[in-house]
N, C-alpha and C. Protein backbone atom coordinates (compact mmCIF):
# COMPACT_ATOMS: atom_id res chain seq x y z
N MET A 1 -4.17 -29.10 -32.95
CA MET A 1 -5.37 -29.72 -32.42
C MET A 1 -5.63 -29.16 -31.02
N THR A 2 -6.83 -28.70 -30.79
CA THR A 2 -7.18 -28.10 -29.50
C THR A 2 -7.50 -29.20 -28.48
N ASP A 3 -7.66 -28.76 -27.24
CA ASP A 3 -7.97 -29.71 -26.17
C ASP A 3 -9.33 -30.37 -26.39
N VAL A 4 -10.28 -29.60 -26.87
CA VAL A 4 -11.62 -30.15 -27.11
C VAL A 4 -11.56 -31.23 -28.19
N GLN A 5 -10.80 -30.98 -29.23
CA GLN A 5 -10.68 -31.98 -30.30
C GLN A 5 -10.01 -33.25 -29.78
N LYS A 6 -8.97 -33.09 -28.98
CA LYS A 6 -8.28 -34.25 -28.42
C LYS A 6 -9.22 -35.06 -27.53
N ILE A 7 -10.01 -34.36 -26.72
CA ILE A 7 -10.96 -35.04 -25.84
C ILE A 7 -12.00 -35.79 -26.67
N LEU A 8 -12.52 -35.16 -27.73
CA LEU A 8 -13.52 -35.82 -28.58
C LEU A 8 -12.94 -37.06 -29.26
N PHE A 9 -11.71 -36.93 -29.80
CA PHE A 9 -11.08 -38.08 -30.45
C PHE A 9 -10.85 -39.22 -29.46
N TRP A 10 -10.29 -38.90 -28.29
CA TRP A 10 -10.01 -39.95 -27.33
C TRP A 10 -11.27 -40.56 -26.76
N LEU A 11 -12.28 -39.75 -26.53
CA LEU A 11 -13.55 -40.27 -26.04
C LEU A 11 -14.17 -41.23 -27.04
N ALA A 12 -14.13 -40.86 -28.32
CA ALA A 12 -14.66 -41.74 -29.37
C ALA A 12 -13.88 -43.05 -29.44
N ARG A 13 -12.58 -42.97 -29.36
CA ARG A 13 -11.75 -44.18 -29.42
C ARG A 13 -12.00 -45.08 -28.22
N ILE A 14 -12.12 -44.49 -27.04
CA ILE A 14 -12.35 -45.28 -25.82
C ILE A 14 -13.72 -45.94 -25.87
N ILE A 15 -14.74 -45.20 -26.27
CA ILE A 15 -16.09 -45.76 -26.33
C ILE A 15 -16.14 -46.93 -27.30
N ALA A 16 -15.59 -46.76 -28.49
CA ALA A 16 -15.62 -47.84 -29.49
C ALA A 16 -14.80 -49.04 -29.03
N SER A 17 -13.63 -48.80 -28.46
CA SER A 17 -12.77 -49.91 -28.02
C SER A 17 -13.40 -50.69 -26.87
N VAL A 18 -13.97 -49.99 -25.92
CA VAL A 18 -14.61 -50.67 -24.79
C VAL A 18 -15.83 -51.46 -25.27
N ALA A 19 -16.60 -50.90 -26.18
CA ALA A 19 -17.77 -51.61 -26.70
C ALA A 19 -17.35 -52.88 -27.44
N ILE A 20 -16.30 -52.79 -28.25
CA ILE A 20 -15.83 -53.98 -28.98
C ILE A 20 -15.36 -55.05 -28.00
N LEU A 21 -14.56 -54.66 -27.02
CA LEU A 21 -14.08 -55.64 -26.04
C LEU A 21 -15.23 -56.25 -25.24
N PHE A 22 -16.19 -55.44 -24.87
CA PHE A 22 -17.35 -55.90 -24.11
C PHE A 22 -18.14 -56.94 -24.90
N PHE A 23 -18.43 -56.65 -26.16
CA PHE A 23 -19.21 -57.58 -26.98
C PHE A 23 -18.39 -58.81 -27.35
N LEU A 24 -17.09 -58.65 -27.54
CA LEU A 24 -16.24 -59.81 -27.85
C LEU A 24 -16.19 -60.80 -26.69
N ILE A 25 -16.26 -60.30 -25.47
CA ILE A 25 -16.29 -61.19 -24.32
C ILE A 25 -17.53 -62.10 -24.39
N PHE A 26 -18.66 -61.53 -24.77
CA PHE A 26 -19.88 -62.33 -24.88
C PHE A 26 -19.79 -63.32 -26.04
N VAL A 27 -19.23 -62.89 -27.15
CA VAL A 27 -19.10 -63.79 -28.31
C VAL A 27 -18.16 -64.95 -27.96
N ILE A 28 -17.03 -64.64 -27.34
CA ILE A 28 -16.09 -65.70 -26.96
C ILE A 28 -16.73 -66.64 -25.94
N GLY A 29 -17.49 -66.11 -25.00
CA GLY A 29 -18.19 -66.95 -24.03
C GLY A 29 -19.23 -67.84 -24.69
N LYS A 30 -19.94 -67.30 -25.65
CA LYS A 30 -20.94 -68.09 -26.37
C LYS A 30 -20.28 -69.18 -27.19
N VAL A 31 -19.17 -68.86 -27.86
CA VAL A 31 -18.45 -69.87 -28.64
C VAL A 31 -17.90 -70.95 -27.71
N ALA A 32 -17.36 -70.55 -26.58
CA ALA A 32 -16.80 -71.52 -25.64
C ALA A 32 -17.88 -72.44 -25.09
N SER A 33 -19.07 -71.92 -24.89
CA SER A 33 -20.15 -72.76 -24.35
C SER A 33 -20.73 -73.69 -25.42
N GLU A 34 -20.56 -73.35 -26.70
CA GLU A 34 -21.10 -74.18 -27.77
C GLU A 34 -20.12 -75.24 -28.26
N ILE A 35 -18.90 -75.22 -27.76
CA ILE A 35 -17.93 -76.25 -28.15
C ILE A 35 -18.35 -77.56 -27.49
N SER A 36 -18.54 -78.54 -28.31
CA SER A 36 -18.93 -79.85 -27.79
C SER A 36 -17.89 -80.88 -28.20
N VAL A 37 -18.16 -82.10 -27.88
CA VAL A 37 -17.22 -83.18 -28.20
C VAL A 37 -17.10 -83.34 -29.71
N GLU A 38 -18.20 -83.16 -30.43
CA GLU A 38 -18.17 -83.31 -31.89
C GLU A 38 -17.45 -82.16 -32.58
N GLY A 39 -17.34 -81.05 -31.93
CA GLY A 39 -16.68 -79.90 -32.53
C GLY A 39 -17.49 -78.64 -32.31
N LEU A 40 -17.11 -77.61 -33.00
CA LEU A 40 -17.74 -76.31 -32.85
C LEU A 40 -18.96 -76.22 -33.77
N GLN A 41 -20.08 -75.85 -33.20
CA GLN A 41 -21.29 -75.67 -33.98
C GLN A 41 -21.77 -74.23 -33.80
N LEU A 42 -21.41 -73.37 -34.73
CA LEU A 42 -21.81 -71.97 -34.65
C LEU A 42 -23.11 -71.74 -35.40
N LYS A 43 -23.93 -70.91 -34.84
CA LYS A 43 -25.15 -70.49 -35.54
C LYS A 43 -24.80 -69.32 -36.43
N ILE A 44 -25.60 -69.12 -37.45
CA ILE A 44 -25.34 -68.05 -38.42
C ILE A 44 -25.44 -66.68 -37.76
N GLU A 45 -26.32 -66.53 -36.76
CA GLU A 45 -26.45 -65.24 -36.08
C GLU A 45 -25.16 -64.87 -35.34
N GLY A 46 -24.59 -65.85 -34.67
CA GLY A 46 -23.34 -65.59 -33.94
C GLY A 46 -22.19 -65.26 -34.88
N LEU A 47 -22.14 -65.94 -36.00
CA LEU A 47 -21.09 -65.69 -36.98
C LEU A 47 -21.23 -64.29 -37.59
N LEU A 48 -22.47 -63.90 -37.93
CA LEU A 48 -22.69 -62.55 -38.48
C LEU A 48 -22.36 -61.47 -37.46
N PHE A 49 -22.75 -61.71 -36.21
CA PHE A 49 -22.44 -60.74 -35.17
C PHE A 49 -20.93 -60.59 -35.00
N LEU A 50 -20.22 -61.71 -35.05
CA LEU A 50 -18.76 -61.68 -34.96
C LEU A 50 -18.15 -60.92 -36.13
N LEU A 51 -18.67 -61.13 -37.33
CA LEU A 51 -18.16 -60.42 -38.50
C LEU A 51 -18.41 -58.92 -38.40
N PHE A 52 -19.58 -58.54 -37.91
CA PHE A 52 -19.87 -57.11 -37.73
C PHE A 52 -18.95 -56.50 -36.67
N LEU A 53 -18.65 -57.26 -35.61
CA LEU A 53 -17.73 -56.77 -34.59
C LEU A 53 -16.31 -56.62 -35.12
N ILE A 54 -15.89 -57.56 -35.95
CA ILE A 54 -14.57 -57.45 -36.57
C ILE A 54 -14.51 -56.22 -37.46
N PHE A 55 -15.58 -55.97 -38.21
CA PHE A 55 -15.64 -54.77 -39.05
C PHE A 55 -15.60 -53.50 -38.20
N ALA A 56 -16.30 -53.51 -37.07
CA ALA A 56 -16.28 -52.35 -36.16
C ALA A 56 -14.89 -52.17 -35.57
N GLY A 57 -14.21 -53.26 -35.25
CA GLY A 57 -12.84 -53.17 -34.73
C GLY A 57 -11.89 -52.61 -35.77
N PHE A 58 -12.02 -53.08 -37.00
CA PHE A 58 -11.21 -52.55 -38.10
C PHE A 58 -11.47 -51.05 -38.28
N SER A 59 -12.73 -50.65 -38.20
CA SER A 59 -13.09 -49.24 -38.35
C SER A 59 -12.51 -48.39 -37.22
N THR A 60 -12.51 -48.94 -36.02
CA THR A 60 -11.94 -48.21 -34.88
C THR A 60 -10.44 -48.01 -35.06
N ILE A 61 -9.75 -49.07 -35.46
CA ILE A 61 -8.30 -48.96 -35.69
C ILE A 61 -8.01 -47.99 -36.83
N LEU A 62 -8.83 -48.04 -37.88
CA LEU A 62 -8.63 -47.15 -39.01
C LEU A 62 -8.88 -45.69 -38.63
N SER A 63 -9.78 -45.46 -37.70
CA SER A 63 -10.09 -44.08 -37.30
C SER A 63 -8.91 -43.40 -36.60
N TRP A 64 -7.93 -44.15 -36.14
CA TRP A 64 -6.75 -43.56 -35.53
C TRP A 64 -5.89 -42.91 -36.60
N ARG A 65 -5.80 -43.52 -37.76
CA ARG A 65 -4.95 -42.99 -38.84
C ARG A 65 -5.71 -42.09 -39.79
N ARG A 66 -6.91 -42.49 -40.16
CA ARG A 66 -7.73 -41.72 -41.10
C ARG A 66 -9.09 -41.47 -40.45
N PRO A 67 -9.21 -40.38 -39.70
CA PRO A 67 -10.43 -40.15 -38.93
C PRO A 67 -11.70 -40.05 -39.78
N LYS A 68 -11.60 -39.42 -40.93
CA LYS A 68 -12.80 -39.24 -41.74
C LYS A 68 -13.33 -40.58 -42.24
N LEU A 69 -12.46 -41.39 -42.80
CA LEU A 69 -12.86 -42.71 -43.29
C LEU A 69 -13.25 -43.62 -42.13
N GLY A 70 -12.51 -43.57 -41.05
CA GLY A 70 -12.82 -44.38 -39.88
C GLY A 70 -14.18 -44.04 -39.28
N ALA A 71 -14.50 -42.74 -39.23
CA ALA A 71 -15.80 -42.32 -38.70
C ALA A 71 -16.93 -42.82 -39.60
N PHE A 72 -16.73 -42.74 -40.90
CA PHE A 72 -17.75 -43.23 -41.83
C PHE A 72 -17.96 -44.74 -41.67
N LEU A 73 -16.87 -45.49 -41.58
CA LEU A 73 -16.98 -46.94 -41.41
C LEU A 73 -17.54 -47.32 -40.04
N LEU A 74 -17.22 -46.54 -39.01
CA LEU A 74 -17.82 -46.78 -37.69
C LEU A 74 -19.32 -46.55 -37.74
N LEU A 75 -19.73 -45.53 -38.46
CA LEU A 75 -21.17 -45.26 -38.60
C LEU A 75 -21.85 -46.42 -39.32
N ILE A 76 -21.23 -46.90 -40.41
CA ILE A 76 -21.80 -48.02 -41.15
C ILE A 76 -21.85 -49.27 -40.28
N SER A 77 -20.77 -49.56 -39.55
CA SER A 77 -20.77 -50.76 -38.71
C SER A 77 -21.77 -50.64 -37.56
N GLY A 78 -21.91 -49.44 -36.99
CA GLY A 78 -22.91 -49.24 -35.95
C GLY A 78 -24.32 -49.42 -36.46
N LEU A 79 -24.59 -48.91 -37.65
CA LEU A 79 -25.91 -49.10 -38.25
C LEU A 79 -26.16 -50.57 -38.59
N CYS A 80 -25.15 -51.26 -39.10
CA CYS A 80 -25.28 -52.70 -39.39
C CYS A 80 -25.58 -53.49 -38.12
N LEU A 81 -24.84 -53.20 -37.06
CA LEU A 81 -25.08 -53.90 -35.80
C LEU A 81 -26.47 -53.58 -35.23
N ALA A 82 -26.89 -52.33 -35.35
CA ALA A 82 -28.20 -51.95 -34.84
C ALA A 82 -29.32 -52.63 -35.64
N ILE A 83 -29.21 -52.62 -36.94
CA ILE A 83 -30.23 -53.26 -37.78
C ILE A 83 -30.24 -54.76 -37.55
N PHE A 84 -29.05 -55.36 -37.48
CA PHE A 84 -28.95 -56.80 -37.24
C PHE A 84 -29.59 -57.18 -35.90
N SER A 85 -29.27 -56.44 -34.86
CA SER A 85 -29.83 -56.76 -33.55
C SER A 85 -31.33 -56.46 -33.48
N PHE A 86 -31.79 -55.49 -34.26
CA PHE A 86 -33.23 -55.21 -34.31
C PHE A 86 -33.97 -56.37 -34.97
N ILE A 87 -33.38 -56.93 -36.02
CA ILE A 87 -34.01 -58.05 -36.72
C ILE A 87 -33.98 -59.31 -35.87
N ILE A 88 -32.86 -59.57 -35.21
CA ILE A 88 -32.68 -60.81 -34.45
C ILE A 88 -33.35 -60.74 -33.07
N GLY A 89 -33.43 -59.55 -32.49
CA GLY A 89 -33.94 -59.41 -31.12
C GLY A 89 -35.35 -59.92 -30.96
N ALA A 90 -35.64 -60.45 -29.78
CA ALA A 90 -36.96 -61.00 -29.51
C ALA A 90 -37.88 -59.95 -28.87
N ARG A 91 -37.42 -59.30 -27.83
CA ARG A 91 -38.23 -58.28 -27.15
C ARG A 91 -37.41 -57.02 -27.01
N ASN A 92 -38.08 -55.91 -26.90
CA ASN A 92 -37.42 -54.61 -26.75
C ASN A 92 -36.40 -54.39 -27.87
N LYS A 93 -36.83 -54.58 -29.09
CA LYS A 93 -35.93 -54.53 -30.24
C LYS A 93 -35.21 -53.19 -30.37
N ALA A 94 -35.93 -52.10 -30.16
CA ALA A 94 -35.32 -50.78 -30.31
C ALA A 94 -34.25 -50.55 -29.25
N LEU A 95 -34.50 -50.99 -28.04
CA LEU A 95 -33.53 -50.82 -26.96
C LEU A 95 -32.27 -51.65 -27.22
N VAL A 96 -32.46 -52.87 -27.67
CA VAL A 96 -31.32 -53.74 -27.98
C VAL A 96 -30.50 -53.15 -29.12
N ALA A 97 -31.18 -52.65 -30.15
CA ALA A 97 -30.47 -52.04 -31.28
C ALA A 97 -29.69 -50.81 -30.83
N LEU A 98 -30.26 -50.03 -29.94
CA LEU A 98 -29.58 -48.84 -29.43
C LEU A 98 -28.36 -49.22 -28.58
N ILE A 99 -28.50 -50.24 -27.77
CA ILE A 99 -27.39 -50.65 -26.91
C ILE A 99 -26.24 -51.23 -27.72
N ILE A 100 -26.56 -52.02 -28.73
CA ILE A 100 -25.50 -52.68 -29.49
C ILE A 100 -24.89 -51.76 -30.55
N GLY A 101 -25.70 -51.02 -31.28
CA GLY A 101 -25.17 -50.15 -32.32
C GLY A 101 -24.82 -48.75 -31.86
N GLY A 102 -25.40 -48.33 -30.74
CA GLY A 102 -25.23 -46.98 -30.25
C GLY A 102 -23.80 -46.52 -29.99
N PRO A 103 -22.98 -47.33 -29.31
CA PRO A 103 -21.61 -46.87 -29.03
C PRO A 103 -20.80 -46.57 -30.29
N PHE A 104 -21.02 -47.34 -31.34
CA PHE A 104 -20.26 -47.12 -32.57
C PHE A 104 -20.78 -45.90 -33.34
N ILE A 105 -22.09 -45.71 -33.30
CA ILE A 105 -22.67 -44.52 -33.94
C ILE A 105 -22.23 -43.27 -33.17
N LEU A 106 -22.24 -43.34 -31.84
CA LEU A 106 -21.79 -42.21 -31.02
C LEU A 106 -20.32 -41.90 -31.28
N SER A 107 -19.50 -42.93 -31.39
CA SER A 107 -18.07 -42.71 -31.68
C SER A 107 -17.88 -42.04 -33.03
N ALA A 108 -18.65 -42.47 -34.02
CA ALA A 108 -18.55 -41.86 -35.35
C ALA A 108 -18.94 -40.39 -35.30
N ILE A 109 -19.98 -40.09 -34.55
CA ILE A 109 -20.43 -38.69 -34.44
C ILE A 109 -19.36 -37.84 -33.73
N LEU A 110 -18.75 -38.38 -32.67
CA LEU A 110 -17.71 -37.63 -31.96
C LEU A 110 -16.49 -37.37 -32.84
N ILE A 111 -16.09 -38.36 -33.62
CA ILE A 111 -14.95 -38.16 -34.52
C ILE A 111 -15.31 -37.13 -35.59
N TYR A 112 -16.52 -37.21 -36.10
CA TYR A 112 -16.96 -36.23 -37.10
C TYR A 112 -16.96 -34.82 -36.53
N LEU A 113 -17.46 -34.66 -35.30
CA LEU A 113 -17.48 -33.33 -34.68
C LEU A 113 -16.07 -32.80 -34.45
N ALA A 114 -15.16 -33.65 -34.04
CA ALA A 114 -13.78 -33.22 -33.83
C ALA A 114 -13.15 -32.81 -35.16
N ARG A 115 -13.39 -33.58 -36.21
CA ARG A 115 -12.85 -33.24 -37.53
C ARG A 115 -13.48 -31.95 -38.06
N ARG A 116 -14.76 -31.78 -37.80
CA ARG A 116 -15.45 -30.58 -38.27
C ARG A 116 -14.89 -29.33 -37.61
N GLU A 117 -14.63 -29.41 -36.32
CA GLU A 117 -14.06 -28.27 -35.60
C GLU A 117 -12.65 -27.98 -36.11
N GLN A 118 -11.88 -29.03 -36.35
CA GLN A 118 -10.52 -28.87 -36.85
C GLN A 118 -10.54 -28.25 -38.24
N ARG A 119 -11.47 -28.68 -39.07
CA ARG A 119 -11.58 -28.16 -40.43
C ARG A 119 -12.04 -26.70 -40.44
N SER A 120 -12.98 -26.35 -39.57
CA SER A 120 -13.47 -24.97 -39.54
C SER A 120 -12.37 -24.02 -39.06
N LYS A 121 -11.52 -24.46 -38.13
CA LYS A 121 -10.42 -23.61 -37.68
C LYS A 121 -9.38 -23.45 -38.79
N ALA A 122 -9.17 -24.49 -39.58
CA ALA A 122 -8.23 -24.39 -40.69
C ALA A 122 -8.76 -23.43 -41.74
N LEU A 123 -10.05 -23.45 -41.99
CA LEU A 123 -10.63 -22.52 -42.95
C LEU A 123 -10.56 -21.09 -42.45
N MET A 124 -10.68 -20.87 -41.16
CA MET A 124 -10.60 -19.53 -40.59
C MET A 124 -9.19 -18.97 -40.76
N LYS A 125 -8.18 -19.83 -40.66
CA LYS A 125 -6.80 -19.38 -40.82
C LYS A 125 -6.52 -18.97 -42.26
N ILE A 126 -7.16 -19.64 -43.21
CA ILE A 126 -6.94 -19.32 -44.63
C ILE A 126 -7.54 -17.97 -44.95
N GLU A 127 -8.72 -17.69 -44.40
CA GLU A 127 -9.37 -16.40 -44.69
C GLU A 127 -8.69 -15.32 -43.94
């Protein structure tokens, strides 16, 4: 693995991990603020967002072991988050979708590019 590939892999992992932690802080804060004396009352939007974040976290962890499958799942989770936030968003829907889904889509693209470079070098060695 070349230096460029290592940088692309680590950059993708860092971007996805930081995005997950950043959004989880907001979800945990929202859940903590909604806890009342009667108990926890979650809205369906918050629950779906949490499920999409868990899926993105699973995809990020999986991309460490299986980059191709992890990149595909990161792309799917990024698209799901972007579409979900576009539907739920009130104003500036495209910007919100880009901010929420963008880091995961970018991570998937970086992992794909690193794998593509690695694969092309392997094919050059065979020929």
